[in-house]
Protein backbone atom coordinates (compact mmCIF):
# COMPACT_ATOMS: atom_id res chain seq x y z
CA MET A 1 100.15 111.51 92.21
CA SER A 2 103.53 110.73 93.54
CA ILE A 3 104.28 112.26 97.68
CA GLY A 4 107.89 111.98 96.86
CA GLN A 5 107.26 113.85 93.55
CA VAL A 6 105.68 116.95 94.93
CA PHE A 7 108.45 116.34 97.60
CA LEU A 8 111.02 116.77 95.34
CA GLY A 9 109.28 119.45 93.68
CA LEU A 10 109.04 121.69 96.88
CA LEU A 11 112.78 120.60 97.71
CA GLU A 12 113.62 122.48 94.22
CA SER A 13 113.18 126.00 95.68
CA GLY A 14 115.66 124.87 98.39
CA PRO A 15 116.68 122.75 100.90
CA ARG A 16 114.29 121.72 103.90
CA HIS A 17 113.77 119.62 106.86
CA GLY A 18 111.13 116.85 107.07
CA TYR A 19 108.49 118.67 108.64
CA ASP A 20 109.11 122.13 106.47
CA LEU A 21 107.90 119.74 103.62
CA LYS A 22 105.04 118.70 105.85
CA ARG A 23 103.81 121.91 106.34
CA ALA A 24 104.16 122.96 102.68
CA TYR A 25 102.51 119.93 100.89
CA ASP A 26 99.62 120.13 103.49
CA ASP A 27 99.26 123.89 102.95
CA ARG A 28 99.56 123.86 99.26
CA PHE A 29 97.92 119.89 98.51
CA GLY A 30 96.75 118.44 101.99
CA HIS A 31 93.48 120.58 102.31
CA VAL A 32 91.01 117.43 102.66
CA ARG A 33 93.95 114.59 103.73
CA PRO A 34 97.11 116.05 105.82
CA LEU A 35 100.12 113.96 105.72
CA HIS A 36 100.98 112.02 108.70
CA TYR A 37 104.98 112.54 109.94
CA GLY A 38 105.64 108.49 109.21
CA GLN A 39 104.32 109.07 105.38
CA VAL A 40 106.72 112.00 105.70
CA TYR A 41 109.90 109.94 107.07
CA ALA A 42 109.07 107.19 105.18
CA THR A 43 108.99 109.04 101.42
CA LEU A 44 112.06 111.14 102.37
CA SER A 45 113.55 107.88 103.46
CA ARG A 46 112.72 106.03 100.05
CA LEU A 47 113.84 109.45 97.75
CA LEU A 48 117.33 109.52 99.74
CA LYS A 49 117.62 105.85 99.26
CA ASP A 50 117.12 105.92 95.73
CA GLY A 51 119.52 108.82 95.06
CA PHE A 52 116.66 111.73 94.60
CA VAL A 53 117.66 113.19 97.85
CA GLU A 54 120.61 114.34 99.99
CA LEU A 55 121.24 115.22 103.30
CA ASP A 56 122.61 119.03 103.50
CA GLY A 57 122.84 119.15 107.52
CA VAL A 58 122.01 117.52 110.53
CA GLU A 59 121.25 119.70 113.17
CA GLN A 60 119.95 118.98 116.79
CA VAL A 61 118.39 122.12 118.88
CA ASP A 62 116.26 120.82 122.45
CA GLY A 63 115.51 117.88 120.88
CA PRO A 64 116.20 115.02 118.54
CA GLU A 65 117.94 115.60 115.32
CA ARG A 66 116.79 117.33 112.51
CA LYS A 67 117.53 116.55 108.84
CA ARG A 68 117.76 119.02 106.12
CA TYR A 69 116.99 117.35 102.97
CA ALA A 70 118.22 118.92 99.13
CA VAL A 71 117.06 117.59 96.01
CA THR A 72 120.09 115.90 93.67
CA SER A 73 120.26 116.66 90.35
CA ALA A 74 118.37 113.16 89.27
CA GLY A 75 115.22 114.29 91.94
CA VAL A 76 115.35 117.06 89.56
CA THR A 77 115.17 115.05 86.28
CA ASP A 78 112.30 112.95 87.93
CA VAL A 79 110.39 115.96 88.65
CA ASP A 80 110.73 117.19 85.05
CA ARG A 81 110.10 113.77 83.88
CA TRP A 82 107.08 113.46 85.91
CA LEU A 83 105.72 117.23 85.04
CA SER A 84 106.36 116.63 81.93
CA THR A 85 104.02 113.29 81.39
CA ALA A 86 100.66 113.61 80.60
CA GLU A 87 98.12 112.06 83.53
CA LYS A 88 96.03 109.20 82.26
CA PRO A 89 92.59 110.34 82.30
CA GLU A 90 90.23 108.71 84.84
CA LEU A 91 88.01 107.26 82.88
CA TYR A 92 85.55 105.65 85.58
CA LEU A 93 84.02 102.64 83.09
CA GLN A 94 83.61 100.13 85.85
CA ASN A 95 82.63 102.84 88.67
CA THR A 96 81.03 101.63 92.56
CA LEU A 97 78.35 103.99 91.39
CA TYR A 98 77.36 101.97 88.46
CA THR A 99 77.88 98.86 90.64
CA LYS A 100 75.65 100.03 93.47
CA VAL A 101 72.90 100.18 90.72
CA VAL A 102 72.73 97.05 89.41
CA LEU A 103 73.25 95.21 92.82
CA ALA A 104 70.59 97.33 94.02
CA LEU A 105 68.07 96.19 90.95
CA LEU A 106 69.72 92.61 91.16
CA SER A 107 68.82 92.01 94.72
CA GLY A 108 65.13 94.23 94.47
CA ARG A 109 66.25 96.70 96.17
CA SER A 110 65.21 100.36 94.96
CA ALA A 111 67.56 101.92 92.50
CA ALA A 112 65.78 104.83 92.13
CA ASP A 113 66.16 105.51 96.11
CA LEU A 114 69.93 104.73 95.82
CA LEU A 115 70.15 107.50 93.14
CA ASP A 116 68.18 110.15 94.95
CA VAL A 117 70.48 109.64 98.33
CA GLN A 118 73.36 109.87 96.04
CA ARG A 119 72.28 112.67 94.11
CA ALA A 120 71.36 114.40 97.73
CA GLU A 121 74.72 113.84 98.53
CA HIS A 122 76.38 115.26 95.62
CA LEU A 123 74.32 118.54 96.09
CA ARG A 124 75.60 118.42 99.89
CA HIS A 125 79.29 118.46 98.71
CA MET A 126 78.89 120.88 95.86
CA ARG A 127 77.53 123.01 98.11
CA GLU A 128 80.34 122.63 101.10
CA LEU A 129 82.98 123.02 98.31
CA THR A 130 81.45 126.17 96.61
CA ARG A 131 81.30 127.83 100.00
CA ARG A 132 85.34 126.53 100.74
CA LYS A 133 85.56 128.21 96.91
CA ALA A 134 84.25 131.63 97.89
CA SER A 135 86.42 131.94 100.95
CA GLY A 136 89.37 130.21 99.67
CA ASP A 137 92.56 131.98 97.84
CA LEU A 138 93.11 130.93 93.91
CA ALA A 139 94.69 127.55 94.61
CA ASP A 140 91.56 126.63 96.44
CA GLN A 141 89.32 127.95 94.11
CA LEU A 142 90.64 126.15 91.26
CA VAL A 143 91.15 122.49 93.12
CA CYS A 144 87.44 123.17 94.22
CA ASP A 145 87.02 123.77 90.48
CA HIS A 146 88.34 120.70 89.40
CA ALA A 147 85.80 118.55 92.26
CA LEU A 148 83.04 120.72 91.23
CA PHE A 149 83.32 119.53 87.17
CA HIS A 150 83.55 116.27 88.40
CA LEU A 151 80.42 116.46 90.53
CA GLU A 152 78.21 117.96 87.85
CA ALA A 153 79.46 115.23 85.25
CA ASP A 154 78.97 112.57 88.05
CA LEU A 155 74.93 114.34 88.70
CA ARG A 156 74.45 114.03 84.69
CA TRP A 157 75.23 110.26 84.47
CA LEU A 158 72.78 110.36 88.25
CA GLU A 159 69.86 111.75 86.28
CA LEU A 160 70.80 109.89 82.90
CA THR A 161 70.62 106.64 84.40
CA ALA A 162 67.52 107.50 86.51
CA ALA A 163 65.65 108.24 83.31
CA ARG A 164 66.60 104.97 81.92
CA LEU A 165 66.09 102.55 84.98
CA ASP A 166 63.72 100.81 83.79
CA GLU A 167 65.30 99.78 80.68
CA LEU A 168 68.58 99.23 82.80
CA THR A 169 65.99 96.75 85.25
CA LYS A 170 64.83 94.76 81.81
CA ARG A 171 68.45 93.62 81.19
CA VAL A 172 69.85 93.41 84.29
CA LEU A 173 67.00 90.84 85.18
CA THR A 174 67.06 88.72 82.35
């Protein structure tokens, strides 16, 4: 996800200061990883240079200048293009978990222990997300559901891999 495109989408409702964009982003999308101010202003600078935003005003009240940004028609076109383009599904064909299982087998370590530890971590994460979902608003519930479905798929893979571990060991070690 491009932070710049999110900013452009947020600016479609009206001009905002960098601080306001950061707060709106963090409130809606930054629950796990809020933006740093440096990232906000670097992104706005790039959007300004690319012609997707323009300065809508500068205020000076008891401190540094506060620039207000507005989306341009080119910025609206960019958001429209981004929103109408399907995201490529992440297939995880060669993911870290598979790599760790194979390396454990190659090094003589217990791949079954690795899978058990990973299963426990996935379940811990799922409990955490379920608690968050129960106390969250609709946006939180949808974000948590997305993450929970991915974790469930990972758990199915962990179980399948554990069931096939003997066969995988033979193939990896020969």
